Protein backbone atom coordinates (compact mmCIF):
# COMPACT_ATOMS: atom_id res chain seq x y z
CA MET A 1 -124.48 57.12 -57.46
CA ARG A 2 -123.13 60.28 -55.34
CA GLY A 3 -124.41 61.90 -56.85
CA ASP A 4 -124.95 65.46 -56.19
CA GLY A 5 -127.75 64.61 -54.16
CA HIS A 6 -129.21 66.13 -51.63
CA VAL A 7 -130.31 64.49 -52.38
CA GLY A 8 -134.58 67.20 -49.95
CA LEU A 9 -136.85 68.63 -51.13
CA GLU A 10 -136.14 71.72 -51.81
CA PRO A 11 -133.99 69.81 -53.75
CA LYS A 12 -130.83 69.62 -52.34
CA PRO A 13 -128.82 68.65 -55.16
CA VAL A 14 -125.87 66.98 -53.75
CA LEU A 15 -124.03 64.32 -55.58
CA LYS A 16 -120.94 62.85 -54.27
CA ALA A 17 -117.98 61.06 -55.34
CA GLY A 18 -119.81 58.03 -55.45
CA LEU A 19 -122.99 57.92 -57.33
CA GLY A 20 -122.99 61.18 -58.05
CA LEU A 21 -122.26 62.63 -55.16
CA LYS A 22 -119.95 65.66 -53.62
CA PRO A 23 -116.47 67.32 -53.94
CA ARG A 24 -113.50 67.18 -51.66
CA ALA A 25 -110.70 69.58 -51.37
CA GLY A 26 -107.32 68.56 -52.46
CA LEU A 27 -107.38 64.88 -53.00
CA LYS A 28 -110.74 64.91 -51.47
CA PRO A 29 -112.13 67.95 -53.10
CA GLY A 30 -115.67 67.60 -52.52
CA LEU A 31 -117.00 64.14 -52.45
CA MET A 32 -119.57 62.74 -55.75
CA GLN A 33 -119.73 66.61 -54.60
CA GLN A 34 -120.13 64.15 -53.92
CA LEU A 35 -121.97 60.92 -56.48
CA LEU A 36 -119.45 64.10 -55.86
CA LYS A 37 -118.21 65.23 -53.04
CA PRO A 38 -118.05 67.72 -55.16
CA GLU A 39 -118.86 62.20 -55.77
CA LEU A 40 -120.54 68.19 -52.99
CA ALA A 41 -121.75 70.99 -51.97
CA ARG A 42 -125.22 71.14 -53.15
CA THR A 43 -125.27 70.25 -56.69
CA ALA A 44 -127.53 67.49 -57.71
CA ALA A 45 -130.60 68.10 -59.71
CA ALA A 46 -133.41 69.24 -57.61
CA THR A 47 -135.69 67.18 -59.66
CA ALA A 48 -133.28 64.30 -59.92
CA VAL A 49 -135.96 61.88 -58.93
CA THR A 50 -137.99 62.78 -61.99
CA TRP A 51 -135.76 60.79 -64.28
CA LEU A 52 -137.25 57.74 -62.67
CA ASN A 53 -140.69 58.44 -64.04
CA PRO A 54 -140.83 56.75 -67.43
CA THR A 55 -142.38 59.07 -70.02
CA ARG A 56 -141.87 59.39 -73.73
CA MET A 57 -139.76 62.37 -74.67
CA GLY A 58 -140.75 62.33 -78.33
CA ALA A 59 -137.13 62.21 -79.41
CA GLU A 60 -135.65 60.43 -82.36
CA LEU A 61 -133.53 57.48 -81.38
CA ILE A 62 -129.89 56.91 -82.14
CA LYS A 63 -128.74 53.30 -82.18
CA PHE A 64 -125.54 53.61 -80.23
CA ASP A 65 -123.98 50.45 -81.56
CA ARG A 66 -124.13 52.09 -84.99
CA PRO A 67 -124.25 55.91 -84.66
CA ALA A 68 -126.48 57.79 -87.05
CA ALA A 69 -124.92 59.84 -89.82
CA ASN A 70 -123.46 63.18 -88.73
CA VAL A 71 -123.56 62.15 -85.06
CA PRO A 72 -120.13 62.56 -83.37
CA PRO A 73 -118.79 59.19 -82.13
CA ASP A 74 -118.55 60.53 -78.56
CA THR A 75 -122.21 61.53 -78.48
CA LEU A 76 -124.18 59.38 -76.07
CA GLY A 77 -127.56 60.97 -76.61
CA ARG A 78 -129.54 64.08 -77.47
CA ILE A 79 -132.87 65.56 -76.47
CA GLY A 80 -133.73 68.77 -78.28
CA PRO A 81 -130.78 71.20 -78.02
CA LEU A 82 -129.14 69.23 -75.20
CA GLU A 83 -126.41 66.70 -75.96
CA VAL A 84 -124.69 64.29 -73.59
CA ARG A 85 -121.24 63.17 -74.65
CA LEU A 86 -118.02 61.59 -73.47
CA VAL A 87 -115.05 63.89 -72.95
CA ASN A 88 -112.15 63.21 -75.28
CA LYS A 89 -109.92 66.23 -74.71
CA ARG A 90 -108.10 67.65 -71.68
CA SER A 91 -109.66 71.03 -72.35
CA ASP A 92 -113.12 69.50 -71.91
CA ILE A 93 -112.13 68.02 -68.55
CA LYS A 94 -111.17 71.54 -67.50
CA ARG A 95 -114.59 72.73 -68.56
CA ALA A 96 -116.16 70.08 -66.33
CA GLN A 97 -113.89 71.16 -63.47
CA ARG A 98 -114.92 74.79 -63.87
CA LEU A 99 -118.58 73.80 -63.77
CA ARG A 100 -117.98 71.77 -60.62
CA TYR A 101 -116.18 74.69 -59.00
CA ASN A 102 -119.06 77.05 -59.73
CA VAL A 103 -121.65 74.62 -58.38
CA PHE A 104 -119.75 73.22 -55.40
CA TYR A 105 -117.71 76.18 -54.22
CA LYS A 106 -118.93 79.43 -55.74
CA ASP A 107 -122.64 78.74 -55.38
CA GLY A 108 -122.48 75.84 -52.92
CA THR A 109 -121.19 75.30 -49.40
CA ALA A 110 -117.90 73.53 -50.07
CA ILE A 111 -114.82 75.25 -48.66
CA ALA A 112 -112.07 75.72 -51.24
CA ASP A 113 -108.38 75.66 -50.38
CA ALA A 114 -106.00 78.24 -51.86
CA PRO A 115 -105.00 76.23 -54.98
CA THR A 116 -108.65 75.54 -55.78
CA MET A 117 -109.59 79.20 -55.38
CA LEU A 118 -106.74 80.31 -57.62
CA ALA A 119 -107.50 77.75 -60.31
CA ARG A 120 -111.25 78.24 -60.01
CA ARG A 121 -111.58 74.59 -60.89
CA ASP A 122 -112.60 71.61 -58.76
CA LYS A 123 -109.96 69.00 -59.49
CA ASP A 124 -108.21 66.05 -57.92
CA ALA A 125 -105.95 63.15 -58.88
CA PHE A 126 -108.93 61.00 -59.89
CA ASP A 127 -109.86 63.30 -62.76
CA LYS A 128 -106.94 62.01 -64.81
CA ILE A 129 -108.02 58.39 -64.64
CA CYS A 130 -111.80 58.80 -64.85
CA ASP A 131 -114.09 59.14 -67.83
CA HIS A 132 -116.22 62.28 -67.84
CA ILE A 133 -119.54 62.98 -69.49
CA LEU A 134 -120.84 66.44 -70.28
CA VAL A 135 -124.23 67.88 -71.12
CA LEU A 136 -123.97 70.71 -73.66
CA ASP A 137 -126.68 73.20 -74.58
CA HIS A 138 -126.57 73.88 -78.32
CA ALA A 139 -129.28 76.53 -78.02
CA ALA A 140 -127.30 78.67 -75.59
CA LYS A 141 -124.87 81.44 -76.54
CA PRO A 142 -121.40 80.03 -77.27
CA SER A 143 -118.42 81.06 -75.18
CA LEU A 144 -115.75 83.45 -76.48
CA SER A 145 -113.88 80.40 -77.73
CA GLY A 146 -116.91 79.36 -79.74
CA LYS A 147 -117.82 76.34 -77.58
CA GLN A 148 -121.30 75.49 -76.37
CA PRO A 149 -121.70 75.87 -72.59
CA VAL A 150 -121.38 72.85 -70.30
CA VAL A 151 -124.49 72.66 -68.12
CA GLY A 152 -124.04 69.26 -66.47
CA THR A 153 -121.36 66.68 -65.81
CA TYR A 154 -120.68 63.28 -64.23
CA ARG A 155 -117.47 61.40 -63.49
CA LEU A 156 -117.18 57.65 -63.99
CA LEU A 157 -114.49 55.31 -62.72
CA ARG A 158 -114.39 51.69 -63.88
CA GLN A 159 -113.09 48.98 -61.59
CA ASP A 160 -110.27 47.91 -63.89
CA VAL A 161 -108.96 51.48 -63.98
CA ALA A 162 -109.39 51.99 -60.24
CA GLU A 163 -107.48 48.80 -59.43
CA SER A 164 -104.59 49.86 -61.64
CA ARG A 165 -104.25 53.08 -59.62
CA ASP A 166 -105.36 54.04 -56.10
CA GLY A 167 -108.75 52.38 -55.90
CA PHE A 168 -112.20 53.98 -55.78
CA TYR A 169 -112.80 57.46 -54.44
CA THR A 170 -115.70 56.16 -52.35
CA ASP A 171 -113.29 53.86 -50.49
CA GLU A 172 -112.20 56.89 -48.47
CA GLU A 173 -115.47 56.67 -46.54
CA PHE A 174 -116.77 53.12 -47.04
CA ASP A 175 -115.16 49.69 -47.24
CA VAL A 176 -115.93 49.28 -50.92
CA SER A 177 -112.89 47.05 -51.46
CA SER A 178 -114.36 44.17 -49.47
CA LEU A 179 -117.61 44.44 -51.45
CA VAL A 180 -115.73 44.22 -54.72
CA GLU A 181 -113.69 41.26 -53.46
CA ARG A 182 -116.88 39.34 -52.67
CA HIS A 183 -117.97 39.64 -56.31
CA PRO A 184 -114.87 38.74 -58.33
CA ASP A 185 -116.88 38.02 -61.48
CA LEU A 186 -118.66 41.38 -61.59
CA ARG A 187 -117.53 44.73 -62.94
CA PHE A 188 -118.05 47.76 -60.69
CA LEU A 189 -118.53 51.36 -61.82
CA GLU A 190 -118.23 54.35 -59.48
CA LEU A 191 -120.33 57.42 -60.23
CA GLY A 192 -119.31 60.77 -58.84
CA ARG A 193 -118.61 64.48 -59.10
CA SER A 194 -122.02 65.08 -60.59
CA CYS A 195 -123.53 68.51 -60.91
CA VAL A 196 -126.02 70.49 -62.98
CA LEU A 197 -126.42 74.26 -63.31
CA PRO A 198 -129.53 75.53 -61.46
CA PRO A 199 -131.50 76.58 -64.58
CA TYR A 200 -131.03 73.08 -66.01
CA ARG A 201 -132.09 71.07 -62.99
CA THR A 202 -135.05 69.68 -64.87
CA LYS A 203 -136.32 66.28 -65.81
CA ARG A 204 -134.95 66.59 -69.33
CA THR A 205 -131.36 67.32 -68.28
CA VAL A 206 -131.23 64.75 -65.51
CA GLU A 207 -132.79 62.10 -67.69
CA LEU A 208 -130.25 62.82 -70.42
CA LEU A 209 -127.39 62.48 -67.94
CA TRP A 210 -128.71 59.14 -66.81
CA HIS A 211 -129.24 58.02 -70.36
CA GLY A 212 -125.56 58.75 -70.92
CA ILE A 213 -124.62 56.71 -67.85
CA TRP A 214 -126.83 53.81 -68.92
CA THR A 215 -125.27 53.89 -72.40
CA TYR A 216 -121.82 53.77 -70.78
CA VAL A 217 -122.86 50.89 -68.52
CA ARG A 218 -124.08 48.84 -71.49
CA ARG A 219 -121.07 49.61 -73.67
CA HIS A 220 -118.60 48.56 -70.98
CA ARG A 221 -120.77 45.74 -69.65
CA MET A 222 -120.71 47.05 -66.10
CA ASP A 223 -122.58 45.02 -63.48
CA VAL A 224 -122.77 47.22 -60.38
CA MET A 225 -122.88 50.98 -59.81
CA ILE A 226 -121.69 52.43 -56.51
CA GLY A 227 -121.37 55.89 -55.03
CA CYS A 228 -122.26 58.17 -52.15
CA ALA A 229 -125.40 60.23 -51.66
CA SER A 230 -125.69 62.96 -49.07
CA PHE A 231 -128.03 64.59 -46.61
CA GLU A 232 -127.44 68.22 -45.76
CA GLY A 233 -126.30 68.67 -42.20
CA THR A 234 -123.82 67.02 -39.84
CA ASP A 235 -126.05 66.23 -36.85
CA PRO A 236 -127.21 62.59 -37.20
CA ASP A 237 -129.81 63.08 -34.46
CA ARG A 238 -131.59 65.63 -36.64
CA LEU A 239 -131.53 63.05 -39.42
CA ALA A 240 -132.67 60.21 -37.17
CA LEU A 241 -135.94 59.63 -39.06
CA PRO A 242 -134.62 59.30 -42.63
CA LEU A 243 -131.45 57.48 -41.56
CA SER A 244 -133.46 54.98 -39.53
CA PHE A 245 -135.88 54.53 -42.41
CA LEU A 246 -133.00 53.64 -44.73
CA HIS A 247 -131.56 51.27 -42.14
CA HIS A 248 -134.80 49.36 -41.67
CA HIS A 249 -136.22 49.48 -45.18
CA ALA A 250 -133.34 49.82 -47.64
CA ARG A 251 -130.33 48.24 -45.97
CA ALA A 252 -128.34 46.10 -48.37
CA PRO A 253 -128.54 42.33 -47.95
CA ASP A 254 -125.32 40.68 -46.77
CA GLU A 255 -124.02 39.97 -50.26
CA TRP A 256 -124.24 43.66 -51.23
CA ARG A 257 -123.47 45.27 -47.90
CA ALA A 258 -120.46 47.53 -47.37
CA ARG A 259 -119.73 49.26 -44.08
CA ALA A 260 -118.49 52.74 -43.31
CA HIS A 261 -114.91 52.66 -42.08
CA ASP A 262 -114.80 52.21 -38.29
CA SER A 263 -113.04 55.52 -37.75
CA ARG A 264 -115.90 57.37 -39.44
CA TYR A 265 -118.86 55.09 -38.77
CA VAL A 266 -122.12 56.77 -37.69
CA GLU A 267 -125.00 54.54 -36.59
CA MET A 268 -128.06 54.86 -38.85
CA ASN A 269 -130.35 52.79 -36.62
CA ARG A 270 -131.45 55.68 -34.39
CA MET A 271 -135.15 54.80 -34.10
CA SER A 272 -137.03 51.52 -33.79
CA LYS A 273 -138.81 50.34 -36.91
CA ASP A 274 -142.20 50.65 -35.21
CA ALA A 275 -141.56 54.30 -34.34
CA ILE A 276 -140.94 55.37 -37.93
CA ASP A 277 -143.54 57.49 -39.70
CA THR A 278 -142.97 56.23 -43.24
CA LYS A 279 -144.60 59.16 -45.02
CA ALA A 280 -142.67 61.68 -42.97
CA ALA A 281 -139.43 59.77 -43.56
CA LEU A 282 -139.97 59.75 -47.32
CA ARG A 283 -140.54 63.51 -47.29
CA GLU A 284 -137.14 63.94 -45.65
CA LEU A 285 -135.26 61.77 -48.13
CA PRO A 286 -133.32 63.71 -50.77
CA PRO A 287 -134.85 63.24 -54.25
CA LEU A 288 -131.79 61.41 -55.55
CA ILE A 289 -131.89 58.81 -52.79
CA LYS A 290 -135.60 58.25 -53.36
CA GLY A 291 -134.85 57.84 -57.02
CA TYR A 292 -132.18 55.24 -56.40
CA LEU A 293 -134.50 53.29 -54.13
CA ARG A 294 -137.22 53.25 -56.77
CA VAL A 295 -134.81 51.78 -59.26
CA GLY A 296 -133.79 49.02 -56.88
CA ALA A 297 -130.67 50.31 -55.13
CA TYR A 298 -129.49 49.33 -51.64
CA ILE A 299 -128.00 51.43 -48.85
CA GLY A 300 -124.78 50.47 -47.08
CA ASP A 301 -124.13 49.97 -43.37
CA GLY A 302 -123.51 53.19 -41.46
CA ALA A 303 -123.26 56.83 -42.47
CA VAL A 304 -120.25 59.17 -42.59
CA ILE A 305 -120.10 62.82 -41.51
CA ASP A 306 -118.28 65.13 -43.88
CA HIS A 307 -117.61 68.33 -41.95
CA GLN A 308 -115.86 70.01 -44.84
CA PHE A 309 -119.01 69.92 -46.92
CA GLY A 310 -121.50 69.94 -44.10
CA THR A 311 -123.13 66.67 -45.13
CA THR A 312 -123.98 63.21 -43.88
CA ASP A 313 -123.17 60.59 -46.48
CA VAL A 314 -124.61 57.16 -47.17
CA LEU A 315 -123.41 54.52 -49.58
CA VAL A 316 -125.60 53.54 -52.52
CA VAL A 317 -125.11 50.16 -54.20
CA MET A 318 -127.02 49.53 -57.42
CA PRO A 319 -126.58 46.08 -59.06
CA VAL A 320 -127.69 46.25 -62.68
CA SER A 321 -129.48 42.94 -62.14
CA ALA A 322 -131.62 44.57 -59.44
CA ILE A 323 -132.73 47.54 -61.52
CA ALA A 324 -136.47 47.34 -62.06
CA SER A 325 -137.28 46.12 -65.57
CA ARG A 326 -139.59 49.10 -66.21
CA TYR A 327 -136.64 51.48 -65.91
CA ILE A 328 -134.44 49.38 -68.16
CA GLY A 329 -137.28 49.48 -70.65
CA HIS A 330 -137.44 53.25 -70.27
CA PHE A 331 -133.83 53.75 -71.33
CA GLY A 332 -133.68 50.73 -73.59
CA ALA A 333 -131.91 47.47 -72.82
CA ASP A 334 -129.43 48.35 -75.56
CA ALA A 335 -129.11 51.95 -74.32
CA SER A 336 -130.62 53.33 -77.50
CA ARG A 337 -133.68 55.21 -76.38
CA HIS A 338 -133.14 58.87 -75.57
CA ALA A 339 -131.41 60.80 -78.28
CA ALA A 340 -132.75 63.39 -80.60
């Protein structure tokens, strides 16, 4: 959900550990850097919101329950020369980590510690237990090892895996555990560490990433997606308009509400509802957050300041049941639409 999202308009691509969101250093290397905190340092697709505009891509479809001939089993979708696929080798996870490092630290604003600088990879303990998806460009020049370049990535953590280890990454900022406990019959999926190389921050790439996520959601029968999204800047007063807009117009109902931890809680209700200029507020919302809202997502209670990455984070909660039917139709209820 965190994803890389900064999620403004000159797109601030910041995805954090949650929905795609920003990186944290060490065990917190960037958040969905955050859906990345790396769940970030500026990484999300500047045009992330464009994936929400249903349009036909003119691509041949692959039925994912029965892959087409000559299609690798880990392939989730294709559009032209771009392929989205699940990682199945440790070496591919390292490729995702190198991409995250370049986007979050080298080209972004995240501050790397010594081990991260030496490794030139954004990594943490969660990488070993998460699933990773990559976007590869088959039209680009292969690397010296003969592999196609990785141009985008996302990290996914299923509830059953999180509960067998140390929980969700997003729980470091928001009380996600209590939300999960209130819905014992639902399966939660955390989205994070999302990033896309600048030249590929286009509708096609972002849509392909989200097609891969939707395919994953359907295959594993996930019910709720969670993650963090970020605003650039650490002064909540400067963000009073968009934060207040989210508080008054997108705050999650009680059954889906999760609160920022008390030690990090920042009040989002900084302006009265009557004082909000809706059009101005929408202009200040990062594209990714606007995209989530269009789909039917909710925003949690309170924001969190991440000084390491220079961001203000909000929690995004997206129940699959709340996703607008037109977007489900866009990707296909059986996750079989976008592949070519």
